[in-house]
PDB file of N, CA and C in Angstrom:
ATOM      1  N   UNK A   1      -5.835   0.134  -1.607  1.00  0.00           N
ATOM      2  CA  UNK A   1      -4.671   0.697  -1.724  1.00  0.00           C
ATOM      3  C   UNK A   1      -4.323   1.827  -0.822  1.00  0.00           C
ATOM      4  N   UNK A   2      -5.522   2.541  -0.426  1.00  0.00           N
ATOM      5  CA  UNK A   2      -5.408   3.699   0.447  1.00  0.00           C
ATOM      6  C   UNK A   2      -4.805   3.249   1.744  1.00  0.00           C
ATOM      7  N   UNK A   3      -5.135   2.085   2.275  1.00  0.00           N
ATOM      8  CA  UNK A   3      -4.643   1.519   3.514  1.00  0.00           C
ATOM      9  C   UNK A   3      -3.014   1.382   3.355  1.00  0.00           C
ATOM     10  N   UNK A   4      -2.619   0.973   2.172  1.00  0.00           N
ATOM     11  CA  UNK A   4      -1.216   0.775   1.986  1.00  0.00           C
ATOM     12  C   UNK A   4      -0.340   2.069   2.101  1.00  0.00           C
ATOM     13  N   UNK A   5      -0.978   3.282   1.761  1.00  0.00           N
ATOM     14  CA  UNK A   5      -0.211   4.448   2.049  1.00  0.00           C
ATOM     15  C   UNK A   5      -0.552   5.100   3.339  1.00  0.00           C
ATOM     16  N   UNK A   6      -1.650   4.679   4.042  1.00  0.00           N
ATOM     17  CA  UNK A   6      -1.918   5.482   5.277  1.00  0.00           C
ATOM     18  C   UNK A   6      -0.991   5.488   6.341  1.00  0.00           C
ATOM     19  N   UNK A   7      -0.091   4.407   6.459  1.00  0.00           N
ATOM     20  CA  UNK A   7       0.798   4.465   7.549  1.00  0.00           C
ATOM     21  C   UNK A   7       1.819   5.416   7.409  1.00  0.00           C
ATOM     22  N   UNK A   8       1.871   6.211   6.433  1.00  0.00           N
ATOM     23  CA  UNK A   8       2.860   7.286   6.356  1.00  0.00           C
ATOM     24  C   UNK A   8       2.359   8.637   6.802  1.00  0.00           C
ATOM     25  N   UNK A   9       1.257   8.579   7.290  1.00  0.00           N
ATOM     26  CA  UNK A   9       0.594   9.837   7.937  1.00  0.00           C
ATOM     27  C   UNK A   9       0.359  10.726   6.885  1.00  0.00           C
ATOM     28  N   UNK A  10       0.873  11.980   7.035  1.00  0.00           N
ATOM     29  CA  UNK A  10       0.386  13.116   6.031  1.00  0.00           C
ATOM     30  C   UNK A  10       1.358  13.221   4.941  1.00  0.00           C
ATOM     31  N   UNK A  11       2.241  12.311   4.698  1.00  0.00           N
ATOM     32  CA  UNK A  11       3.168  12.440   3.523  1.00  0.00           C
ATOM     33  C   UNK A  11       2.458  12.443   2.194  1.00  0.00           C
ATOM     34  N   UNK A  12       1.363  11.558   2.110  1.00  0.00           N
ATOM     35  CA  UNK A  12       0.537  11.510   0.940  1.00  0.00           C
ATOM     36  C   UNK A  12      -0.908  11.858   1.134  1.00  0.00           C
ATOM     37  N   UNK A  13      -1.496  12.726   0.334  1.00  0.00           N
ATOM     38  CA  UNK A  13      -2.862  12.932   0.389  1.00  0.00           C
ATOM     39  C   UNK A  13      -3.407  12.006  -0.656  1.00  0.00           C
ATOM     40  N   UNK A  14      -4.508  11.137  -0.269  1.00  0.00           N
ATOM     41  CA  UNK A  14      -5.001  10.145  -1.273  1.00  0.00           C
ATOM     42  C   UNK A  14      -6.443  10.528  -1.607  1.00  0.00           C
ATOM     43  N   UNK A  15      -6.836  10.310  -2.785  1.00  0.00           N
ATOM     44  CA  UNK A  15      -8.250  10.267  -3.197  1.00  0.00           C
ATOM     45  C   UNK A  15      -8.642   8.925  -3.799  1.00  0.00           C
ATOM     46  N   UNK A  16      -9.931   8.588  -3.716  1.00  0.00           N
ATOM     47  CA  UNK A  16     -10.255   7.330  -4.261  1.00  0.00           C
ATOM     48  C   UNK A  16     -11.614   7.396  -5.111  1.00  0.00           C
ATOM     49  N   UNK A  17     -11.535   6.676  -6.156  1.00  0.00           N
ATOM     50  CA  UNK A  17     -12.714   6.641  -7.204  1.00  0.00           C
ATOM     51  C   UNK A  17     -13.154   5.174  -7.279  1.00  0.00           C
ATOM     52  N   UNK A  18     -14.485   4.995  -7.427  1.00  0.00           N
ATOM     53  CA  UNK A  18     -15.064   3.721  -7.537  1.00  0.00           C
ATOM     54  C   UNK A  18     -15.023   3.148  -9.028  1.00  0.00           C
ATOM     55  N   UNK A  19     -14.708   3.868  -9.992  1.00  0.00           N
ATOM     56  CA  UNK A  19     -14.537   3.335 -11.382  1.00  0.00           C
ATOM     57  C   UNK A  19     -13.749   4.255 -12.165  1.00  0.00           C
ATOM     58  N   UNK A  20     -13.351   3.914 -13.367  1.00  0.00           N
ATOM     59  CA  UNK A  20     -12.532   4.655 -14.244  1.00  0.00           C
ATOM     60  C   UNK A  20     -13.040   5.992 -14.666  1.00  0.00           C
ATOM     61  N   UNK A  21     -14.348   6.102 -14.844  1.00  0.00           N
ATOM     62  CA  UNK A  21     -14.869   7.350 -15.343  1.00  0.00           C
ATOM     63  C   UNK A  21     -14.918   8.396 -14.252  1.00  0.00           C
ATOM     64  N   UNK A  22     -15.287   7.948 -12.971  1.00  0.00           N
ATOM     65  CA  UNK A  22     -15.180   8.994 -11.900  1.00  0.00           C
ATOM     66  C   UNK A  22     -13.762   9.219 -11.498  1.00  0.00           C
ATOM     67  N   UNK A  23     -12.899   8.200 -11.746  1.00  0.00           N
ATOM     68  CA  UNK A  23     -11.435   8.473 -11.419  1.00  0.00           C
ATOM     69  C   UNK A  23     -10.846   9.467 -12.393  1.00  0.00           C
ATOM     70  N   UNK A  24     -11.358   9.635 -13.652  1.00  0.00           N
ATOM     71  CA  UNK A  24     -10.944  10.620 -14.606  1.00  0.00           C
ATOM     72  C   UNK A  24     -11.410  11.888 -14.210  1.00  0.00           C
ATOM     73  N   UNK A  25     -12.604  12.048 -13.775  1.00  0.00           N
ATOM     74  CA  UNK A  25     -13.154  13.336 -13.313  1.00  0.00           C
ATOM     75  C   UNK A  25     -12.392  13.842 -12.087  1.00  0.00           C
ATOM     76  N   UNK A  26     -12.158  13.004 -11.148  1.00  0.00           N
ATOM     77  CA  UNK A  26     -11.500  13.254  -9.887  1.00  0.00           C
ATOM     78  C   UNK A  26     -10.043  13.688 -10.234  1.00  0.00           C
ATOM     79  N   UNK A  27      -9.331  13.004 -11.156  1.00  0.00           N
ATOM     80  CA  UNK A  27      -8.014  13.444 -11.482  1.00  0.00           C
ATOM     81  C   UNK A  27      -7.929  14.770 -12.186  1.00  0.00           C
ATOM     82  N   UNK A  28      -8.900  15.001 -13.003  1.00  0.00           N
ATOM     83  CA  UNK A  28      -8.960  16.409 -13.586  1.00  0.00           C
ATOM     84  C   UNK A  28      -9.136  17.471 -12.531  1.00  0.00           C
ATOM     85  N   UNK A  29      -9.890  17.182 -11.414  1.00  0.00           N
ATOM     86  CA  UNK A  29     -10.112  18.221 -10.414  1.00  0.00           C
ATOM     87  C   UNK A  29      -8.976  18.308  -9.410  1.00  0.00           C
ATOM     88  N   UNK A  30      -8.563  17.112  -9.017  1.00  0.00           N
ATOM     89  CA  UNK A  30      -7.470  17.112  -7.925  1.00  0.00           C
ATOM     90  C   UNK A  30      -6.095  17.277  -8.436  1.00  0.00           C
ATOM     91  N   UNK A  31      -5.809  17.002  -9.649  1.00  0.00           N
ATOM     92  CA  UNK A  31      -4.448  17.065 -10.239  1.00  0.00           C
ATOM     93  C   UNK A  31      -3.368  16.495  -9.302  1.00  0.00           C
ATOM     94  N   UNK A  32      -3.410  15.107  -9.100  1.00  0.00           N
ATOM     95  CA  UNK A  32      -2.384  14.555  -8.232  1.00  0.00           C
ATOM     96  C   UNK A  32      -1.214  14.243  -9.046  1.00  0.00           C
ATOM     97  N   UNK A  33      -0.100  14.107  -8.257  1.00  0.00           N
ATOM     98  CA  UNK A  33       1.195  13.837  -8.869  1.00  0.00           C
ATOM     99  C   UNK A  33       1.388  12.297  -9.306  1.00  0.00           C
ATOM    100  N   UNK A  34       0.723  11.487  -8.623  1.00  0.00           N
ATOM    101  CA  UNK A  34       0.821  10.069  -9.010  1.00  0.00           C
ATOM    102  C   UNK A  34      -0.627   9.548  -8.909  1.00  0.00           C
ATOM    103  N   UNK A  35      -0.840   8.584  -9.832  1.00  0.00           N
ATOM    104  CA  UNK A  35      -2.168   7.877 -10.012  1.00  0.00           C
ATOM    105  C   UNK A  35      -2.022   6.377  -9.841  1.00  0.00           C
ATOM    106  N   UNK A  36      -2.651   5.711  -9.042  1.00  0.00           N
ATOM    107  CA  UNK A  36      -2.513   4.252  -8.890  1.00  0.00           C
ATOM    108  C   UNK A  36      -3.927   3.731  -9.496  1.00  0.00           C
ATOM    109  N   UNK A  37      -3.691   2.974 -10.637  1.00  0.00           N
ATOM    110  CA  UNK A  37      -4.850   2.408 -11.381  1.00  0.00           C
ATOM    111  C   UNK A  37      -4.823   0.877 -11.324  1.00  0.00           C
ATOM    112  N   UNK A  38      -5.957   0.239 -11.191  1.00  0.00           N
ATOM    113  CA  UNK A  38      -6.163  -1.296 -11.430  1.00  0.00           C
ATOM    114  C   UNK A  38      -6.402  -1.373 -12.826  1.00  0.00           C
ATOM    115  N   UNK A  39      -6.049  -2.548 -13.495  1.00  0.00           N
ATOM    116  CA  UNK A  39      -6.481  -2.766 -14.901  1.00  0.00           C
ATOM    117  C   UNK A  39      -7.922  -3.076 -15.100  1.00  0.00           C
ATOM    118  N   UNK A  40      -8.463  -3.716 -14.018  1.00  0.00           N
ATOM    119  CA  UNK A  40      -9.932  -4.164 -14.093  1.00  0.00           C
ATOM    120  C   UNK A  40     -10.724  -3.177 -13.237  1.00  0.00           C
ATOM    121  N   UNK A  41     -11.312  -2.247 -13.857  1.00  0.00           N
ATOM    122  CA  UNK A  41     -12.230  -1.274 -13.282  1.00  0.00           C
ATOM    123  C   UNK A  41     -13.481  -1.159 -14.078  1.00  0.00           C
ATOM    124  N   UNK A  42     -14.627  -0.841 -13.414  1.00  0.00           N
ATOM    125  CA  UNK A  42     -15.940  -0.673 -14.211  1.00  0.00           C
ATOM    126  C   UNK A  42     -15.863   0.633 -15.020  1.00  0.00           C
ATOM    127  N   UNK A  43     -16.528   0.592 -16.083  1.00  0.00           N
ATOM    128  CA  UNK A  43     -16.878   1.729 -16.989  1.00  0.00           C
ATOM    129  C   UNK A  43     -15.627   2.225 -17.763  1.00  0.00           C
ATOM    130  N   UNK A  44     -14.408   2.113 -17.369  1.00  0.00           N
ATOM    131  CA  UNK A  44     -13.229   2.468 -18.056  1.00  0.00           C
ATOM    132  C   UNK A  44     -12.062   1.803 -17.305  1.00  0.00           C
ATOM    133  N   UNK A  45     -11.442   0.900 -18.082  1.00  0.00           N
ATOM    134  CA  UNK A  45     -10.477  -0.028 -17.539  1.00  0.00           C
ATOM    135  C   UNK A  45      -9.184   0.795 -17.370  1.00  0.00           C
ATOM    136  N   UNK A  46      -8.220   0.256 -16.688  1.00  0.00           N
ATOM    137  CA  UNK A  46      -6.953   0.978 -16.330  1.00  0.00           C
ATOM    138  C   UNK A  46      -6.105   1.314 -17.472  1.00  0.00           C
ATOM    139  N   UNK A  47      -6.000   0.384 -18.461  1.00  0.00           N
ATOM    140  CA  UNK A  47      -5.089   0.717 -19.586  1.00  0.00           C
ATOM    141  C   UNK A  47      -5.709   1.738 -20.509  1.00  0.00           C
ATOM    142  N   UNK A  48      -7.001   1.778 -20.823  1.00  0.00           N
ATOM    143  CA  UNK A  48      -7.623   2.896 -21.617  1.00  0.00           C
ATOM    144  C   UNK A  48      -7.615   4.193 -20.721  1.00  0.00           C
ATOM    145  N   UNK A  49      -7.790   4.179 -19.491  1.00  0.00           N
ATOM    146  CA  UNK A  49      -7.814   5.275 -18.617  1.00  0.00           C
ATOM    147  C   UNK A  49      -6.319   5.783 -18.597  1.00  0.00           C
ATOM    148  N   UNK A  50      -5.308   5.001 -18.493  1.00  0.00           N
ATOM    149  CA  UNK A  50      -3.977   5.492 -18.559  1.00  0.00           C
ATOM    150  C   UNK A  50      -3.727   6.142 -19.814  1.00  0.00           C
ATOM    151  N   UNK A  51      -4.092   5.688 -20.952  1.00  0.00           N
ATOM    152  CA  UNK A  51      -3.941   6.373 -22.254  1.00  0.00           C
ATOM    153  C   UNK A  51      -4.695   7.672 -22.397  1.00  0.00           C
ATOM    154  N   UNK A  52      -5.844   7.676 -21.785  1.00  0.00           N
ATOM    155  CA  UNK A  52      -6.696   8.957 -21.762  1.00  0.00           C
ATOM    156  C   UNK A  52      -5.877  10.072 -20.909  1.00  0.00           C
ATOM    157  N   UNK A  53      -5.463   9.607 -19.680  1.00  0.00           N
ATOM    158  CA  UNK A  53      -4.657  10.588 -18.885  1.00  0.00           C
ATOM    159  C   UNK A  53      -3.492  11.162 -19.658  1.00  0.00           C
ATOM    160  N   UNK A  54      -2.797  10.291 -20.342  1.00  0.00           N
ATOM    161  CA  UNK A  54      -1.473  10.765 -21.034  1.00  0.00           C
ATOM    162  C   UNK A  54      -1.751  11.564 -22.310  1.00  0.00           C
ATOM    163  N   UNK A  55      -3.027  11.455 -22.883  1.00  0.00           N
ATOM    164  CA  UNK A  55      -3.390  12.148 -24.109  1.00  0.00           C
ATOM    165  C   UNK A  55      -3.972  13.546 -23.712  1.00  0.00           C
ATOM    166  N   UNK A  56      -4.404  13.779 -22.512  1.00  0.00           N
ATOM    167  CA  UNK A  56      -4.984  15.067 -22.228  1.00  0.00           C
ATOM    168  C   UNK A  56      -3.911  15.922 -21.564  1.00  0.00           C
ATOM    169  N   UNK A  57      -3.641  17.115 -22.230  1.00  0.00           N
ATOM    170  CA  UNK A  57      -2.590  17.918 -21.629  1.00  0.00           C
ATOM    171  C   UNK A  57      -2.804  18.350 -20.253  1.00  0.00           C
ATOM    172  N   UNK A  58      -4.039  18.394 -19.798  1.00  0.00           N
ATOM    173  CA  UNK A  58      -4.254  18.881 -18.456  1.00  0.00           C
ATOM    174  C   UNK A  58      -3.868  17.847 -17.408  1.00  0.00           C
ATOM    175  N   UNK A  59      -3.744  16.573 -17.904  1.00  0.00           N
ATOM    176  CA  UNK A  59      -3.425  15.542 -16.879  1.00  0.00           C
ATOM    177  C   UNK A  59      -2.258  14.659 -17.229  1.00  0.00           C
ATOM    178  N   UNK A  60      -1.591  15.051 -18.343  1.00  0.00           N
ATOM    179  CA  UNK A  60      -0.475  14.208 -18.878  1.00  0.00           C
ATOM    180  C   UNK A  60       0.729  14.095 -17.967  1.00  0.00           C
ATOM    181  N   UNK A  61       0.883  15.174 -17.082  1.00  0.00           N
ATOM    182  CA  UNK A  61       2.080  15.214 -16.229  1.00  0.00           C
ATOM    183  C   UNK A  61       1.934  14.226 -15.108  1.00  0.00           C
ATOM    184  N   UNK A  62       0.812  13.722 -14.724  1.00  0.00           N
ATOM    185  CA  UNK A  62       0.596  12.717 -13.637  1.00  0.00           C
ATOM    186  C   UNK A  62       1.379  11.456 -14.007  1.00  0.00           C
ATOM    187  N   UNK A  63       2.018  10.941 -12.964  1.00  0.00           N
ATOM    188  CA  UNK A  63       2.836   9.598 -13.085  1.00  0.00           C
ATOM    189  C   UNK A  63       1.746   8.566 -12.740  1.00  0.00           C
ATOM    190  N   UNK A  64       1.796   7.513 -13.493  1.00  0.00           N
ATOM    191  CA  UNK A  64       0.840   6.503 -13.379  1.00  0.00           C
ATOM    192  C   UNK A  64       1.556   5.145 -12.968  1.00  0.00           C
ATOM    193  N   UNK A  65       0.842   4.538 -11.981  1.00  0.00           N
ATOM    194  CA  UNK A  65       1.378   3.221 -11.564  1.00  0.00           C
ATOM    195  C   UNK A  65       0.210   2.228 -11.563  1.00  0.00           C
ATOM    196  N   UNK A  66       0.198   1.182 -12.421  1.00  0.00           N
ATOM    197  CA  UNK A  66      -0.695   0.187 -12.486  1.00  0.00           C
ATOM    198  C   UNK A  66      -0.480  -0.670 -11.401  1.00  0.00           C
ATOM    199  N   UNK A  67      -1.540  -1.024 -10.637  1.00  0.00           N
ATOM    200  CA  UNK A  67      -1.584  -2.054  -9.649  1.00  0.00           C
ATOM    201  C   UNK A  67      -2.559  -3.170  -9.978  1.00  0.00           C
ATOM    202  N   UNK A  68      -2.155  -4.346 -10.246  1.00  0.00           N
ATOM    203  CA  UNK A  68      -3.146  -5.365 -10.807  1.00  0.00           C
ATOM    204  C   UNK A  68      -2.660  -6.819 -10.348  1.00  0.00           C
ATOM    205  N   UNK A  69      -3.606  -7.681 -10.243  1.00  0.00           N
ATOM    206  CA  UNK A  69      -3.321  -9.082 -10.032  1.00  0.00           C
ATOM    207  C   UNK A  69      -2.943  -9.784 -11.378  1.00  0.00           C
ATOM    208  N   UNK A  70      -3.088  -9.082 -12.462  1.00  0.00           N
ATOM    209  CA  UNK A  70      -2.721  -9.558 -13.796  1.00  0.00           C
ATOM    210  C   UNK A  70      -1.190  -9.576 -13.874  1.00  0.00           C
ATOM    211  N   UNK A  71      -0.607 -10.837 -14.089  1.00  0.00           N
ATOM    212  CA  UNK A  71       0.845 -10.911 -14.192  1.00  0.00           C
ATOM    213  C   UNK A  71       1.344 -11.226 -15.631  1.00  0.00           C
ATOM    214  N   UNK A  72       0.335 -11.330 -16.554  1.00  0.00           N
ATOM    215  CA  UNK A  72       0.806 -11.670 -17.926  1.00  0.00           C
ATOM    216  C   UNK A  72       1.592 -10.557 -18.538  1.00  0.00           C
ATOM    217  N   UNK A  73       2.549 -10.851 -19.311  1.00  0.00           N
ATOM    218  CA  UNK A  73       3.402 -10.022 -19.825  1.00  0.00           C
ATOM    219  C   UNK A  73       2.716  -8.940 -20.797  1.00  0.00           C
ATOM    220  N   UNK A  74       1.708  -9.354 -21.460  1.00  0.00           N
ATOM    221  CA  UNK A  74       1.043  -8.486 -22.440  1.00  0.00           C
ATOM    222  C   UNK A  74       0.212  -7.401 -21.715  1.00  0.00           C
ATOM    223  N   UNK A  75      -0.169  -7.654 -20.484  1.00  0.00           N
ATOM    224  CA  UNK A  75      -0.804  -6.498 -19.655  1.00  0.00           C
ATOM    225  C   UNK A  75       0.283  -5.519 -19.123  1.00  0.00           C
ATOM    226  N   UNK A  76       1.379  -6.175 -18.793  1.00  0.00           N
ATOM    227  CA  UNK A  76       2.441  -5.322 -18.263  1.00  0.00           C
ATOM    228  C   UNK A  76       2.887  -4.272 -19.441  1.00  0.00           C
ATOM    229  N   UNK A  77       3.145  -4.916 -20.647  1.00  0.00           N
ATOM    230  CA  UNK A  77       3.594  -4.189 -21.740  1.00  0.00           C
ATOM    231  C   UNK A  77       2.667  -3.156 -22.215  1.00  0.00           C
ATOM    232  N   UNK A  78       1.299  -3.640 -22.314  1.00  0.00           N
ATOM    233  CA  UNK A  78       0.220  -2.604 -22.720  1.00  0.00           C
ATOM    234  C   UNK A  78       0.153  -1.517 -21.810  1.00  0.00           C
ATOM    235  N   UNK A  79       0.344  -1.679 -20.532  1.00  0.00           N
ATOM    236  CA  UNK A  79       0.264  -0.664 -19.511  1.00  0.00           C
ATOM    237  C   UNK A  79       1.458   0.312 -19.682  1.00  0.00           C
ATOM    238  N   UNK A  80       2.677  -0.185 -19.947  1.00  0.00           N
ATOM    239  CA  UNK A  80       3.808   0.734 -19.944  1.00  0.00           C
ATOM    240  C   UNK A  80       3.687   1.504 -21.307  1.00  0.00           C
ATOM    241  N   UNK A  81       3.167   0.772 -22.393  1.00  0.00           N
ATOM    242  CA  UNK A  81       2.957   1.502 -23.786  1.00  0.00           C
ATOM    243  C   UNK A  81       1.952   2.640 -23.681  1.00  0.00           C
ATOM    244  N   UNK A  82       0.927   2.431 -22.777  1.00  0.00           N
ATOM    245  CA  UNK A  82      -0.178   3.434 -22.594  1.00  0.00           C
ATOM    246  C   UNK A  82       0.423   4.499 -21.856  1.00  0.00           C
ATOM    247  N   UNK A  83       1.547   4.484 -21.201  1.00  0.00           N
ATOM    248  CA  UNK A  83       2.133   5.631 -20.478  1.00  0.00           C
ATOM    249  C   UNK A  83       2.309   5.420 -18.918  1.00  0.00           C
ATOM    250  N   UNK A  84       2.095   4.193 -18.405  1.00  0.00           N
ATOM    251  CA  UNK A  84       2.413   3.947 -16.989  1.00  0.00           C
ATOM    252  C   UNK A  84       3.846   3.942 -16.818  1.00  0.00           C
ATOM    253  N   UNK A  85       4.184   4.541 -15.644  1.00  0.00           N
ATOM    254  CA  UNK A  85       5.583   4.625 -15.199  1.00  0.00           C
ATOM    255  C   UNK A  85       6.051   3.348 -14.596  1.00  0.00           C
ATOM    256  N   UNK A  86       5.101   2.573 -13.963  1.00  0.00           N
ATOM    257  CA  UNK A  86       5.461   1.338 -13.310  1.00  0.00           C
ATOM    258  C   UNK A  86       4.327   0.312 -13.206  1.00  0.00           C
ATOM    259  N   UNK A  87       4.543  -0.731 -12.922  1.00  0.00           N
ATOM    260  CA  UNK A  87       3.524  -1.908 -12.782  1.00  0.00           C
ATOM    261  C   UNK A  87       3.840  -2.674 -11.523  1.00  0.00           C
ATOM    262  N   UNK A  88       2.758  -2.747 -10.714  1.00  0.00           N
ATOM    263  CA  UNK A  88       2.964  -3.494  -9.392  1.00  0.00           C
ATOM    264  C   UNK A  88       1.926  -4.629  -9.402  1.00  0.00           C
ATOM    265  N   UNK A  89       2.415  -5.724  -9.153  1.00  0.00           N
ATOM    266  CA  UNK A  89       1.329  -6.954  -9.048  1.00  0.00           C
ATOM    267  C   UNK A  89       0.915  -7.293  -7.614  1.00  0.00           C
ATOM    268  N   UNK A  90      -0.295  -7.615  -7.615  1.00  0.00           N
ATOM    269  CA  UNK A  90      -1.038  -7.888  -6.327  1.00  0.00           C
ATOM    270  C   UNK A  90      -0.767  -9.462  -6.142  1.00  0.00           C
ATOM    271  N   UNK A  91      -0.608  -9.894  -4.936  1.00  0.00           N
ATOM    272  CA  UNK A  91      -0.539  -8.938  -3.685  1.00  0.00           C
ATOM    273  C   UNK A  91       0.940  -8.350  -3.623  1.00  0.00           C
ATOM    274  N   UNK A  92       0.828  -7.259  -2.927  1.00  0.00           N
ATOM    275  CA  UNK A  92       2.115  -6.573  -2.789  1.00  0.00           C
ATOM    276  C   UNK A  92       2.206  -6.153  -1.259  1.00  0.00           C
ATOM    277  N   UNK A  93       3.356  -5.734  -1.000  1.00  0.00           N
ATOM    278  CA  UNK A  93       3.831  -5.380   0.421  1.00  0.00           C
ATOM    279  C   UNK A  93       3.592  -3.802   0.418  1.00  0.00           C
ATOM    280  N   UNK A  94       2.745  -3.207   1.394  1.00  0.00           N
ATOM    281  CA  UNK A  94       2.697  -1.709   1.419  1.00  0.00           C
ATOM    282  C   UNK A  94       3.887  -1.059   1.279  1.00  0.00           C
ATOM    283  N   UNK A  95       4.932  -1.498   1.925  1.00  0.00           N
ATOM    284  CA  UNK A  95       6.302  -0.742   1.937  1.00  0.00           C
ATOM    285  C   UNK A  95       6.863  -0.790   0.512  1.00  0.00           C
ATOM    286  N   UNK A  96       6.656  -1.873  -0.337  1.00  0.00           N
ATOM    287  CA  UNK A  96       7.010  -1.892  -1.704  1.00  0.00           C
ATOM    288  C   UNK A  96       6.282  -0.893  -2.556  1.00  0.00           C
ATOM    289  N   UNK A  97       4.921  -0.699  -2.323  1.00  0.00           N
ATOM    290  CA  UNK A  97       4.115   0.192  -3.056  1.00  0.00           C
ATOM    291  C   UNK A  97       4.563   1.580  -2.775  1.00  0.00           C
ATOM    292  N   UNK A  98       4.807   1.918  -1.525  1.00  0.00           N
ATOM    293  CA  UNK A  98       5.260   3.228  -1.085  1.00  0.00           C
ATOM    294  C   UNK A  98       6.580   3.554  -1.710  1.00  0.00           C
ATOM    295  N   UNK A  99       7.536   2.550  -1.644  1.00  0.00           N
ATOM    296  CA  UNK A  99       8.815   2.785  -2.255  1.00  0.00           C
ATOM    297  C   UNK A  99       8.825   3.017  -3.892  1.00  0.00           C
ATOM    298  N   UNK A 100       7.891   2.404  -4.384  1.00  0.00           N
ATOM    299  CA  UNK A 100       7.605   2.629  -5.851  1.00  0.00           C
ATOM    300  C   UNK A 100       6.974   4.030  -6.129  1.00  0.00           C
ATOM    301  N   UNK A 101       6.120   4.442  -5.274  1.00  0.00           N
ATOM    302  CA  UNK A 101       5.543   5.716  -5.407  1.00  0.00           C
ATOM    303  C   UNK A 101       6.546   6.790  -5.244  1.00  0.00           C
ATOM    304  N   UNK A 102       7.321   6.767  -4.185  1.00  0.00           N
ATOM    305  CA  UNK A 102       8.511   7.631  -4.016  1.00  0.00           C
ATOM    306  C   UNK A 102       9.460   7.513  -5.142  1.00  0.00           C
ATOM    307  N   UNK A 103       9.766   6.474  -5.705  1.00  0.00           N
ATOM    308  CA  UNK A 103      10.807   6.322  -6.796  1.00  0.00           C
ATOM    309  C   UNK A 103      10.194   7.098  -8.058  1.00  0.00           C
ATOM    310  N   UNK A 104       8.933   6.893  -8.377  1.00  0.00           N
ATOM    311  CA  UNK A 104       8.337   7.522  -9.474  1.00  0.00           C
ATOM    312  C   UNK A 104       8.342   9.051  -9.370  1.00  0.00           C
ATOM    313  N   UNK A 105       8.055   9.403  -8.077  1.00  0.00           N
ATOM    314  CA  UNK A 105       8.049  10.971  -7.773  1.00  0.00           C
ATOM    315  C   UNK A 105       9.460  11.532  -7.994  1.00  0.00           C
ATOM    316  N   UNK A 106      10.435  10.840  -7.425  1.00  0.00           N
ATOM    317  CA  UNK A 106      11.873  11.224  -7.614  1.00  0.00           C
ATOM    318  C   UNK A 106      12.241  11.364  -8.961  1.00  0.00           C
ATOM    319  N   UNK A 107      11.987  10.346  -9.883  1.00  0.00           N
ATOM    320  CA  UNK A 107      12.341  10.377 -11.155  1.00  0.00           C
ATOM    321  C   UNK A 107      11.658  11.532 -11.963  1.00  0.00           C
ATOM    322  N   UNK A 108      10.352  11.857 -11.524  1.00  0.00           N
ATOM    323  CA  UNK A 108       9.672  12.884 -12.253  1.00  0.00           C
ATOM    324  C   UNK A 108      10.289  14.205 -11.816  1.00  0.00           C
ATOM    325  N   UNK A 109      10.682  14.503 -10.552  1.00  0.00           N
ATOM    326  CA  UNK A 109      11.268  15.716 -10.161  1.00  0.00           C
ATOM    327  C   UNK A 109      12.695  15.825 -10.784  1.00  0.00           C
ATOM    328  N   UNK A 110      13.438  14.788 -10.993  1.00  0.00           N
ATOM    329  CA  UNK A 110      14.603  14.862 -11.556  1.00  0.00           C
ATOM    330  C   UNK A 110      14.746  15.168 -12.972  1.00  0.00           C
ATOM    331  N   UNK A 111      13.652  14.875 -13.672  1.00  0.00           N
ATOM    332  CA  UNK A 111      13.369  15.111 -15.044  1.00  0.00           C
ATOM    333  C   UNK A 111      13.061  16.530 -15.310  1.00  0.00           C
ATOM    334  N   UNK A 112      12.609  17.352 -14.422  1.00  0.00           N
ATOM    335  CA  UNK A 112      12.209  18.652 -14.537  1.00  0.00           C
ATOM    336  C   UNK A 112      13.205  19.706 -14.552  1.00  0.00           C
TER     337      UNK A 112
END
């Protein structure tokens, strides 16, 4: 996914983790505005990680976009119930992912 955002230059600073547990540690340290999660990750899947992020007051303000090849409605519904702001299915166009990141950020800013 990092490559999908890289063509924007310096507009987005990105961080990457190899699994859900290290992603949670990175999230707590870096405090990003938006988190892109896959449903299928080692050690801590995307939906449980999404729930954990939203439960923790230190990370709850992060907007979450689930990016997954899973297209079943139960995965989409579970992701949104866990606190995700959006759900993007793979494969995706990089421009679509960037548009969705911008939209989530705009909605969060408008809510403040």
